[in-house]
Every structure is written in structure tokens, then in C-alpha cells.
Amino acid sequence: MTKQREHFSTHIQGIPCGIVITHYRRQKPLGRRADSDIDCYGYTDAEYTVLDYKGHPALWLDRKIKDEDNERILALIDNYKEHENDDY
């Protein structure tokens, strides 16, 4: 198993874990000139890998993710990416 470095720490069902962002795309709202309603209002598309406390992918923990956990993690990813751009 390959050890990975997490982007940030969180928890799933009370279990501490790390998150590695594997894909992130944010489409800002384009307004009425957009080709679709999705582009009109904007969206965020993100994927991530859950790591155990040693930095290894934790599929067993990934299976425990509930909707509330996923929404919270996606919000944390948005926040992380917004502040990542502030560092430059």
C-alpha cells in the first residue's frame, strides 16, 4: 500500500481520517448567457480519497460515509481550494 499525504484532516462517523483531493473543478455562475442551467448557476465537482491515520487509502472507512459526511467533506474541499489560491 502506498502512503499518501493528506490535504486536510477530518472525521467520518467520529473516526479521524485524512482527505486527498483527486479531482476538483469549480464552474462559477455564468448567468443568463450560459448554455445550460447548470452553468447558469455554477457548480463544483470534486472527488477525494479517504486515508487512515497512517496515510493509507481506507476503503473500509470510505464505505461508512453517509450523505452528511460527504456534504461536509465537499464543503471542506471547497474551503481548502479557496484558501489554497490565497496563498499565492
PDB file of N, CA and C in Angstrom:
ATOM      1  N   MET A   1       0.829  -1.175   0.000  1.00  0.00           N
ATOM      2  CA  MET A   1       0.000   0.000   0.000  1.00  0.00           C
ATOM      3  C   MET A   1       0.878   1.245   0.000  1.00  0.00           C
ATOM      4  N   THR A   2       0.490   2.218  -0.800  1.00  0.00           N
ATOM      5  CA  THR A   2       1.234   3.450  -0.899  1.00  0.00           C
ATOM      6  C   THR A   2       0.731   4.467   0.120  1.00  0.00           C
ATOM      7  N   LYS A   3       1.659   5.046   0.839  1.00  0.00           N
ATOM      8  CA  LYS A   3       1.312   6.079   1.804  1.00  0.00           C
ATOM      9  C   LYS A   3       1.164   7.397   1.052  1.00  0.00           C
ATOM     10  N   GLN A   4       0.097   8.161   1.380  1.00  0.00           N
ATOM     11  CA  GLN A   4      -0.156   9.430   0.720  1.00  0.00           C
ATOM     12  C   GLN A   4      -0.176  10.549   1.749  1.00  0.00           C
ATOM     13  N   ARG A   5       0.054  11.749   1.266  1.00  0.00           N
ATOM     14  CA  ARG A   5      -0.006  12.919   2.147  1.00  0.00           C
ATOM     15  C   ARG A   5      -1.378  13.575   1.998  1.00  0.00           C
ATOM     16  N   GLU A   6      -2.039  13.774   3.106  1.00  0.00           N
ATOM     17  CA  GLU A   6      -3.386  14.338   3.091  1.00  0.00           C
ATOM     18  C   GLU A   6      -3.363  15.840   2.813  1.00  0.00           C
ATOM     19  N   HIS A   7      -4.456  16.325   2.225  1.00  0.00           N
ATOM     20  CA  HIS A   7      -4.639  17.758   2.050  1.00  0.00           C
ATOM     21  C   HIS A   7      -5.169  18.373   3.349  1.00  0.00           C
ATOM     22  N   PHE A   8      -6.049  17.642   4.040  1.00  0.00           N
ATOM     23  CA  PHE A   8      -6.547  18.099   5.332  1.00  0.00           C
ATOM     24  C   PHE A   8      -7.100  16.914   6.111  1.00  0.00           C
ATOM     25  N   SER A   9      -7.284  17.124   7.411  1.00  0.00           N
ATOM     26  CA  SER A   9      -7.814  16.088   8.305  1.00  0.00           C
ATOM     27  C   SER A   9      -9.272  16.367   8.613  1.00  0.00           C
ATOM     28  N   THR A  10     -10.030  15.302   8.850  1.00  0.00           N
ATOM     29  CA  THR A  10     -11.425  15.415   9.252  1.00  0.00           C
ATOM     30  C   THR A  10     -11.804  14.125   9.969  1.00  0.00           C
ATOM     31  N   HIS A  11     -13.079  13.803   9.962  1.00  0.00           N
ATOM     32  CA  HIS A  11     -13.533  12.551  10.560  1.00  0.00           C
ATOM     33  C   HIS A  11     -14.742  12.030   9.798  1.00  0.00           C
ATOM     34  N   ILE A  12     -14.939  10.739   9.844  1.00  0.00           N
ATOM     35  CA  ILE A  12     -16.109  10.081   9.259  1.00  0.00           C
ATOM     36  C   ILE A  12     -16.715   9.215  10.341  1.00  0.00           C
ATOM     37  N   GLN A  13     -17.962   9.494  10.676  1.00  0.00           N
ATOM     38  CA  GLN A  13     -18.647   8.772  11.745  1.00  0.00           C
ATOM     39  C   GLN A  13     -17.812   8.762  13.029  1.00  0.00           C
ATOM     40  N   GLY A  14     -17.150   9.886  13.302  1.00  0.00           N
ATOM     41  CA  GLY A  14     -16.353  10.027  14.512  1.00  0.00           C
ATOM     42  C   GLY A  14     -14.950   9.442  14.428  1.00  0.00           C
ATOM     43  N   ILE A  15     -14.603   8.856  13.308  1.00  0.00           N
ATOM     44  CA  ILE A  15     -13.284   8.230  13.134  1.00  0.00           C
ATOM     45  C   ILE A  15     -12.363   9.216  12.409  1.00  0.00           C
ATOM     46  N   PRO A  16     -11.228   9.589  13.017  1.00  0.00           N
ATOM     47  CA  PRO A  16     -10.301  10.528  12.372  1.00  0.00           C
ATOM     48  C   PRO A  16      -9.758   9.954  11.064  1.00  0.00           C
ATOM     49  N   CYS A  17      -9.597  10.837  10.076  1.00  0.00           N
ATOM     50  CA  CYS A  17      -9.068  10.400   8.786  1.00  0.00           C
ATOM     51  C   CYS A  17      -8.469  11.595   8.058  1.00  0.00           C
ATOM     52  N   GLY A  18      -7.800  11.308   6.969  1.00  0.00           N
ATOM     53  CA  GLY A  18      -7.261  12.343   6.102  1.00  0.00           C
ATOM     54  C   GLY A  18      -7.985  12.308   4.773  1.00  0.00           C
ATOM     55  N   ILE A  19      -7.958  13.427   4.063  1.00  0.00           N
ATOM     56  CA  ILE A  19      -8.598  13.526   2.760  1.00  0.00           C
ATOM     57  C   ILE A  19      -7.561  13.987   1.739  1.00  0.00           C
ATOM     58  N   VAL A  20      -7.509  13.271   0.614  1.00  0.00           N
ATOM     59  CA  VAL A  20      -6.686  13.662  -0.528  1.00  0.00           C
ATOM     60  C   VAL A  20      -7.645  14.019  -1.654  1.00  0.00           C
ATOM     61  N   ILE A  21      -7.521  15.217  -2.176  1.00  0.00           N
ATOM     62  CA  ILE A  21      -8.375  15.659  -3.274  1.00  0.00           C
ATOM     63  C   ILE A  21      -7.792  15.103  -4.570  1.00  0.00           C
ATOM     64  N   THR A  22      -8.577  14.275  -5.264  1.00  0.00           N
ATOM     65  CA  THR A  22      -8.089  13.660  -6.503  1.00  0.00           C
ATOM     66  C   THR A  22      -8.609  14.364  -7.746  1.00  0.00           C
ATOM     67  N   HIS A  23      -9.713  15.106  -7.609  1.00  0.00           N
ATOM     68  CA  HIS A  23     -10.266  15.867  -8.738  1.00  0.00           C
ATOM     69  C   HIS A  23     -11.045  17.041  -8.176  1.00  0.00           C
ATOM     70  N   TYR A  24     -10.884  18.217  -8.808  1.00  0.00           N
ATOM     71  CA  TYR A  24     -11.642  19.386  -8.367  1.00  0.00           C
ATOM     72  C   TYR A  24     -11.872  20.306  -9.556  1.00  0.00           C
ATOM     73  N   ARG A  25     -13.125  20.676  -9.753  1.00  0.00           N
ATOM     74  CA  ARG A  25     -13.470  21.660 -10.786  1.00  0.00           C
ATOM     75  C   ARG A  25     -14.605  22.508 -10.252  1.00  0.00           C
ATOM     76  N   ARG A  26     -14.395  23.812 -10.317  1.00  0.00           N
ATOM     77  CA  ARG A  26     -15.438  24.747  -9.895  1.00  0.00           C
ATOM     78  C   ARG A  26     -15.819  25.612 -11.086  1.00  0.00           C
ATOM     79  N   GLN A  27     -17.081  25.539 -11.461  1.00  0.00           N
ATOM     80  CA  GLN A  27     -17.618  26.384 -12.532  1.00  0.00           C
ATOM     81  C   GLN A  27     -18.375  27.524 -11.876  1.00  0.00           C
ATOM     82  N   LYS A  28     -17.867  28.727 -12.022  1.00  0.00           N
ATOM     83  CA  LYS A  28     -18.549  29.881 -11.458  1.00  0.00           C
ATOM     84  C   LYS A  28     -19.820  30.142 -12.257  1.00  0.00           C
ATOM     85  N   PRO A  29     -20.829  30.726 -11.624  1.00  0.00           N
ATOM     86  CA  PRO A  29     -22.077  31.021 -12.337  1.00  0.00           C
ATOM     87  C   PRO A  29     -21.826  31.937 -13.533  1.00  0.00           C
ATOM     88  N   LEU A  30     -22.406  31.580 -14.680  1.00  0.00           N
ATOM     89  CA  LEU A  30     -22.249  32.380 -15.891  1.00  0.00           C
ATOM     90  C   LEU A  30     -23.450  33.282 -16.149  1.00  0.00           C
ATOM     91  N   GLY A  31     -24.500  33.104 -15.364  1.00  0.00           N
ATOM     92  CA  GLY A  31     -25.684  33.936 -15.550  1.00  0.00           C
ATOM     93  C   GLY A  31     -26.509  33.504 -16.758  1.00  0.00           C
ATOM     94  N   ARG A  32     -27.315  34.412 -17.251  1.00  0.00           N
ATOM     95  CA  ARG A  32     -28.262  34.069 -18.321  1.00  0.00           C
ATOM     96  C   ARG A  32     -27.603  33.768 -19.654  1.00  0.00           C
ATOM     97  N   ARG A  33     -26.351  34.129 -19.827  1.00  0.00           N
ATOM     98  CA  ARG A  33     -25.693  33.856 -21.108  1.00  0.00           C
ATOM     99  C   ARG A  33     -25.186  32.409 -21.216  1.00  0.00           C
ATOM    100  N   ALA A  34     -25.357  31.639 -20.158  1.00  0.00           N
ATOM    101  CA  ALA A  34     -24.864  30.254 -20.126  1.00  0.00           C
ATOM    102  C   ALA A  34     -25.676  29.358 -21.062  1.00  0.00           C
ATOM    103  N   ASP A  35     -25.042  28.286 -21.519  1.00  0.00           N
ATOM    104  CA  ASP A  35     -25.693  27.326 -22.408  1.00  0.00           C
ATOM    105  C   ASP A  35     -26.634  26.379 -21.671  1.00  0.00           C
ATOM    106  N   SER A  36     -26.458  26.221 -20.370  1.00  0.00           N
ATOM    107  CA  SER A  36     -27.306  25.293 -19.607  1.00  0.00           C
ATOM    108  C   SER A  36     -27.606  25.881 -18.234  1.00  0.00           C
ATOM    109  N   ASP A  37     -28.621  25.307 -17.589  1.00  0.00           N
ATOM    110  CA  ASP A  37     -28.966  25.780 -16.253  1.00  0.00           C
ATOM    111  C   ASP A  37     -27.861  25.484 -15.245  1.00  0.00           C
ATOM    112  N   ILE A  38     -27.129  24.398 -15.459  1.00  0.00           N
ATOM    113  CA  ILE A  38     -26.030  24.058 -14.553  1.00  0.00           C
ATOM    114  C   ILE A  38     -24.946  25.130 -14.622  1.00  0.00           C
ATOM    115  N   ASP A  39     -24.590  25.536 -15.834  1.00  0.00           N
ATOM    116  CA  ASP A  39     -23.581  26.588 -15.983  1.00  0.00           C
ATOM    117  C   ASP A  39     -24.116  27.943 -15.528  1.00  0.00           C
ATOM    118  N   CYS A  40     -25.393  28.152 -15.691  1.00  0.00           N
ATOM    119  CA  CYS A  40     -26.017  29.410 -15.276  1.00  0.00           C
ATOM    120  C   CYS A  40     -25.825  29.641 -13.779  1.00  0.00           C
ATOM    121  N   TYR A  41     -26.076  28.627 -12.987  1.00  0.00           N
ATOM    122  CA  TYR A  41     -25.983  28.750 -11.533  1.00  0.00           C
ATOM    123  C   TYR A  41     -24.625  28.356 -10.971  1.00  0.00           C
ATOM    124  N   GLY A  42     -23.797  27.690 -11.772  1.00  0.00           N
ATOM    125  CA  GLY A  42     -22.489  27.259 -11.326  1.00  0.00           C
ATOM    126  C   GLY A  42     -22.551  25.941 -10.560  1.00  0.00           C
ATOM    127  N   TYR A  43     -21.422  25.301 -10.438  1.00  0.00           N
ATOM    128  CA  TYR A  43     -21.360  24.027  -9.733  1.00  0.00           C
ATOM    129  C   TYR A  43     -19.924  23.721  -9.329  1.00  0.00           C
ATOM    130  N   THR A  44     -19.801  22.761  -8.434  1.00  0.00           N
ATOM    131  CA  THR A  44     -18.495  22.251  -8.033  1.00  0.00           C
ATOM    132  C   THR A  44     -18.511  20.740  -8.193  1.00  0.00           C
ATOM    133  N   ASP A  45     -17.478  20.212  -8.813  1.00  0.00           N
ATOM    134  CA  ASP A  45     -17.325  18.772  -8.985  1.00  0.00           C
ATOM    135  C   ASP A  45     -16.026  18.375  -8.295  1.00  0.00           C
ATOM    136  N   ALA A  46     -16.120  17.479  -7.318  1.00  0.00           N
ATOM    137  CA  ALA A  46     -14.921  17.084  -6.573  1.00  0.00           C
ATOM    138  C   ALA A  46     -14.951  15.591  -6.275  1.00  0.00           C
ATOM    139  N   GLU A  47     -13.772  15.001  -6.271  1.00  0.00           N
ATOM    140  CA  GLU A  47     -13.592  13.608  -5.863  1.00  0.00           C
ATOM    141  C   GLU A  47     -12.438  13.567  -4.875  1.00  0.00           C
ATOM    142  N   TYR A  48     -12.483  12.594  -3.981  1.00  0.00           N
ATOM    143  CA  TYR A  48     -11.459  12.509  -2.947  1.00  0.00           C
ATOM    144  C   TYR A  48     -11.228  11.062  -2.536  1.00  0.00           C
ATOM    145  N   THR A  49     -10.079  10.864  -1.890  1.00  0.00           N
ATOM    146  CA  THR A  49      -9.717   9.566  -1.323  1.00  0.00           C
ATOM    147  C   THR A  49      -9.610   9.733   0.185  1.00  0.00           C
ATOM    148  N   VAL A  50     -10.163   8.773   0.910  1.00  0.00           N
ATOM    149  CA  VAL A  50     -10.106   8.783   2.375  1.00  0.00           C
ATOM    150  C   VAL A  50      -8.869   7.996   2.811  1.00  0.00           C
ATOM    151  N   LEU A  51      -8.099   8.576   3.734  1.00  0.00           N
ATOM    152  CA  LEU A  51      -6.901   7.921   4.251  1.00  0.00           C
ATOM    153  C   LEU A  51      -7.082   7.574   5.726  1.00  0.00           C
ATOM    154  N   ASP A  52      -6.463   6.488   6.141  1.00  0.00           N
ATOM    155  CA  ASP A  52      -6.452   6.168   7.568  1.00  0.00           C
ATOM    156  C   ASP A  52      -5.404   7.040   8.260  1.00  0.00           C
ATOM    157  N   TYR A  53      -5.235   6.858   9.552  1.00  0.00           N
ATOM    158  CA  TYR A  53      -4.320   7.709  10.314  1.00  0.00           C
ATOM    159  C   TYR A  53      -2.855   7.507   9.921  1.00  0.00           C
ATOM    160  N   LYS A  54      -2.546   6.410   9.222  1.00  0.00           N
ATOM    161  CA  LYS A  54      -1.176   6.173   8.768  1.00  0.00           C
ATOM    162  C   LYS A  54      -0.918   6.717   7.362  1.00  0.00           C
ATOM    163  N   GLY A  55      -1.977   7.252   6.705  1.00  0.00           N
ATOM    164  CA  GLY A  55      -1.813   7.812   5.365  1.00  0.00           C
ATOM    165  C   GLY A  55      -2.083   6.833   4.240  1.00  0.00           C
ATOM    166  N   HIS A  56      -2.693   5.706   4.548  1.00  0.00           N
ATOM    167  CA  HIS A  56      -3.014   4.710   3.530  1.00  0.00           C
ATOM    168  C   HIS A  56      -4.490   4.811   3.144  1.00  0.00           C
ATOM    169  N   PRO A  57      -4.830   4.550   1.874  1.00  0.00           N
ATOM    170  CA  PRO A  57      -6.242   4.558   1.480  1.00  0.00           C
ATOM    171  C   PRO A  57      -7.058   3.622   2.373  1.00  0.00           C
ATOM    172  N   ALA A  58      -8.212   4.121   2.815  1.00  0.00           N
ATOM    173  CA  ALA A  58      -9.048   3.370   3.760  1.00  0.00           C
ATOM    174  C   ALA A  58     -10.418   3.096   3.133  1.00  0.00           C
ATOM    175  N   LEU A  59     -10.487   2.056   2.317  1.00  0.00           N
ATOM    176  CA  LEU A  59     -11.756   1.709   1.671  1.00  0.00           C
ATOM    177  C   LEU A  59     -12.823   1.341   2.696  1.00  0.00           C
ATOM    178  N   TRP A  60     -12.413   0.725   3.787  1.00  0.00           N
ATOM    179  CA  TRP A  60     -13.370   0.349   4.831  1.00  0.00           C
ATOM    180  C   TRP A  60     -14.026   1.586   5.431  1.00  0.00           C
ATOM    181  N   LEU A  61     -13.273   2.678   5.542  1.00  0.00           N
ATOM    182  CA  LEU A  61     -13.807   3.908   6.087  1.00  0.00           C
ATOM    183  C   LEU A  61     -14.635   4.653   5.036  1.00  0.00           C
ATOM    184  N   ASP A  62     -14.207   4.561   3.802  1.00  0.00           N
ATOM    185  CA  ASP A  62     -14.944   5.166   2.685  1.00  0.00           C
ATOM    186  C   ASP A  62     -16.369   4.609   2.610  1.00  0.00           C
ATOM    187  N   ARG A  63     -16.515   3.329   2.908  1.00  0.00           N
ATOM    188  CA  ARG A  63     -17.846   2.696   2.868  1.00  0.00           C
ATOM    189  C   ARG A  63     -18.764   3.187   3.988  1.00  0.00           C
ATOM    190  N   LYS A  64     -18.214   3.806   5.010  1.00  0.00           N
ATOM    191  CA  LYS A  64     -19.009   4.313   6.132  1.00  0.00           C
ATOM    192  C   LYS A  64     -19.548   5.725   5.895  1.00  0.00           C
ATOM    193  N   ILE A  65     -19.141   6.353   4.794  1.00  0.00           N
ATOM    194  CA  ILE A  65     -19.545   7.732   4.526  1.00  0.00           C
ATOM    195  C   ILE A  65     -21.058   7.805   4.304  1.00  0.00           C
ATOM    196  N   LYS A  66     -21.690   8.696   5.047  1.00  0.00           N
ATOM    197  CA  LYS A  66     -23.111   8.978   4.866  1.00  0.00           C
ATOM    198  C   LYS A  66     -23.237  10.305   4.121  1.00  0.00           C
ATOM    199  N   ASP A  67     -24.448  10.623   3.686  1.00  0.00           N
ATOM    200  CA  ASP A  67     -24.664  11.861   2.931  1.00  0.00           C
ATOM    201  C   ASP A  67     -24.156  13.092   3.686  1.00  0.00           C
ATOM    202  N   GLU A  68     -24.397  13.130   4.997  1.00  0.00           N
ATOM    203  CA  GLU A  68     -23.964  14.282   5.791  1.00  0.00           C
ATOM    204  C   GLU A  68     -22.435  14.405   5.790  1.00  0.00           C
ATOM    205  N   ASP A  69     -21.753  13.261   5.891  1.00  0.00           N
ATOM    206  CA  ASP A  69     -20.289  13.268   5.864  1.00  0.00           C
ATOM    207  C   ASP A  69     -19.795  13.775   4.513  1.00  0.00           C
ATOM    208  N   ASN A  70     -20.385  13.266   3.440  1.00  0.00           N
ATOM    209  CA  ASN A  70     -19.970  13.645   2.097  1.00  0.00           C
ATOM    210  C   ASN A  70     -20.175  15.144   1.870  1.00  0.00           C
ATOM    211  N   GLU A  71     -21.309  15.673   2.255  1.00  0.00           N
ATOM    212  CA  GLU A  71     -21.579  17.106   2.078  1.00  0.00           C
ATOM    213  C   GLU A  71     -20.585  17.952   2.881  1.00  0.00           C
ATOM    214  N   ARG A  72     -20.280  17.526   4.101  1.00  0.00           N
ATOM    215  CA  ARG A  72     -19.321  18.258   4.936  1.00  0.00           C
ATOM    216  C   ARG A  72     -17.929  18.216   4.315  1.00  0.00           C
ATOM    217  N   ILE A  73     -17.525  17.042   3.825  1.00  0.00           N
ATOM    218  CA  ILE A  73     -16.198  16.902   3.209  1.00  0.00           C
ATOM    219  C   ILE A  73     -16.112  17.739   1.937  1.00  0.00           C
ATOM    220  N   LEU A  74     -17.169  17.754   1.124  1.00  0.00           N
ATOM    221  CA  LEU A  74     -17.165  18.573  -0.089  1.00  0.00           C
ATOM    222  C   LEU A  74     -17.069  20.061   0.260  1.00  0.00           C
ATOM    223  N   ALA A  75     -17.734  20.487   1.329  1.00  0.00           N
ATOM    224  CA  ALA A  75     -17.627  21.877   1.773  1.00  0.00           C
ATOM    225  C   ALA A  75     -16.203  22.174   2.245  1.00  0.00           C
ATOM    226  N   LEU A  76     -15.583  21.227   2.940  1.00  0.00           N
ATOM    227  CA  LEU A  76     -14.191  21.401   3.374  1.00  0.00           C
ATOM    228  C   LEU A  76     -13.246  21.494   2.176  1.00  0.00           C
ATOM    229  N   ILE A  77     -13.524  20.707   1.136  1.00  0.00           N
ATOM    230  CA  ILE A  77     -12.708  20.756  -0.080  1.00  0.00           C
ATOM    231  C   ILE A  77     -12.833  22.134  -0.730  1.00  0.00           C
ATOM    232  N   ASP A  78     -14.065  22.640  -0.857  1.00  0.00           N
ATOM    233  CA  ASP A  78     -14.271  23.986  -1.404  1.00  0.00           C
ATOM    234  C   ASP A  78     -13.480  25.019  -0.614  1.00  0.00           C
ATOM    235  N   ASN A  79     -13.580  24.951   0.701  1.00  0.00           N
ATOM    236  CA  ASN A  79     -12.882  25.887   1.573  1.00  0.00           C
ATOM    237  C   ASN A  79     -11.366  25.761   1.399  1.00  0.00           C
ATOM    238  N   TYR A  80     -10.870  24.538   1.340  1.00  0.00           N
ATOM    239  CA  TYR A  80      -9.439  24.289   1.159  1.00  0.00           C
ATOM    240  C   TYR A  80      -8.952  24.893  -0.157  1.00  0.00           C
ATOM    241  N   LYS A  81      -9.694  24.658  -1.231  1.00  0.00           N
ATOM    242  CA  LYS A  81      -9.296  25.156  -2.548  1.00  0.00           C
ATOM    243  C   LYS A  81      -9.356  26.680  -2.622  1.00  0.00           C
ATOM    244  N   GLU A  82     -10.352  27.287  -1.988  1.00  0.00           N
ATOM    245  CA  GLU A  82     -10.439  28.750  -1.976  1.00  0.00           C
ATOM    246  C   GLU A  82      -9.252  29.353  -1.250  1.00  0.00           C
ATOM    247  N   HIS A  83      -8.863  28.772  -0.112  1.00  0.00           N
ATOM    248  CA  HIS A  83      -7.725  29.308   0.645  1.00  0.00           C
ATOM    249  C   HIS A  83      -6.391  28.936   0.028  1.00  0.00           C
ATOM    250  N   GLU A  84      -6.354  27.851  -0.725  1.00  0.00           N
ATOM    251  CA  GLU A  84      -5.134  27.462  -1.423  1.00  0.00           C
ATOM    252  C   GLU A  84      -4.733  28.559  -2.416  1.00  0.00           C
ATOM    253  N   ASN A  85      -5.717  29.134  -3.095  1.00  0.00           N
ATOM    254  CA  ASN A  85      -5.432  30.198  -4.056  1.00  0.00           C
ATOM    255  C   ASN A  85      -4.998  31.490  -3.373  1.00  0.00           C
ATOM    256  N   ASP A  86      -5.388  31.693  -2.125  1.00  0.00           N
ATOM    257  CA  ASP A  86      -4.995  32.885  -1.379  1.00  0.00           C
ATOM    258  C   ASP A  86      -3.524  32.872  -1.003  1.00  0.00           C
ATOM    259  N   ASP A  87      -2.911  31.690  -1.004  1.00  0.00           N
ATOM    260  CA  ASP A  87      -1.522  31.560  -0.561  1.00  0.00           C
ATOM    261  C   ASP A  87      -0.512  32.072  -1.596  1.00  0.00           C
ATOM    262  N   TYR A  88      -0.947  32.332  -2.803  1.00  0.00           N
ATOM    263  CA  TYR A  88      -0.013  32.739  -3.858  1.00  0.00           C
ATOM    264  C   TYR A  88       0.085  34.214  -3.995  1.00  0.00           C
TER     265      TYR A  88
END
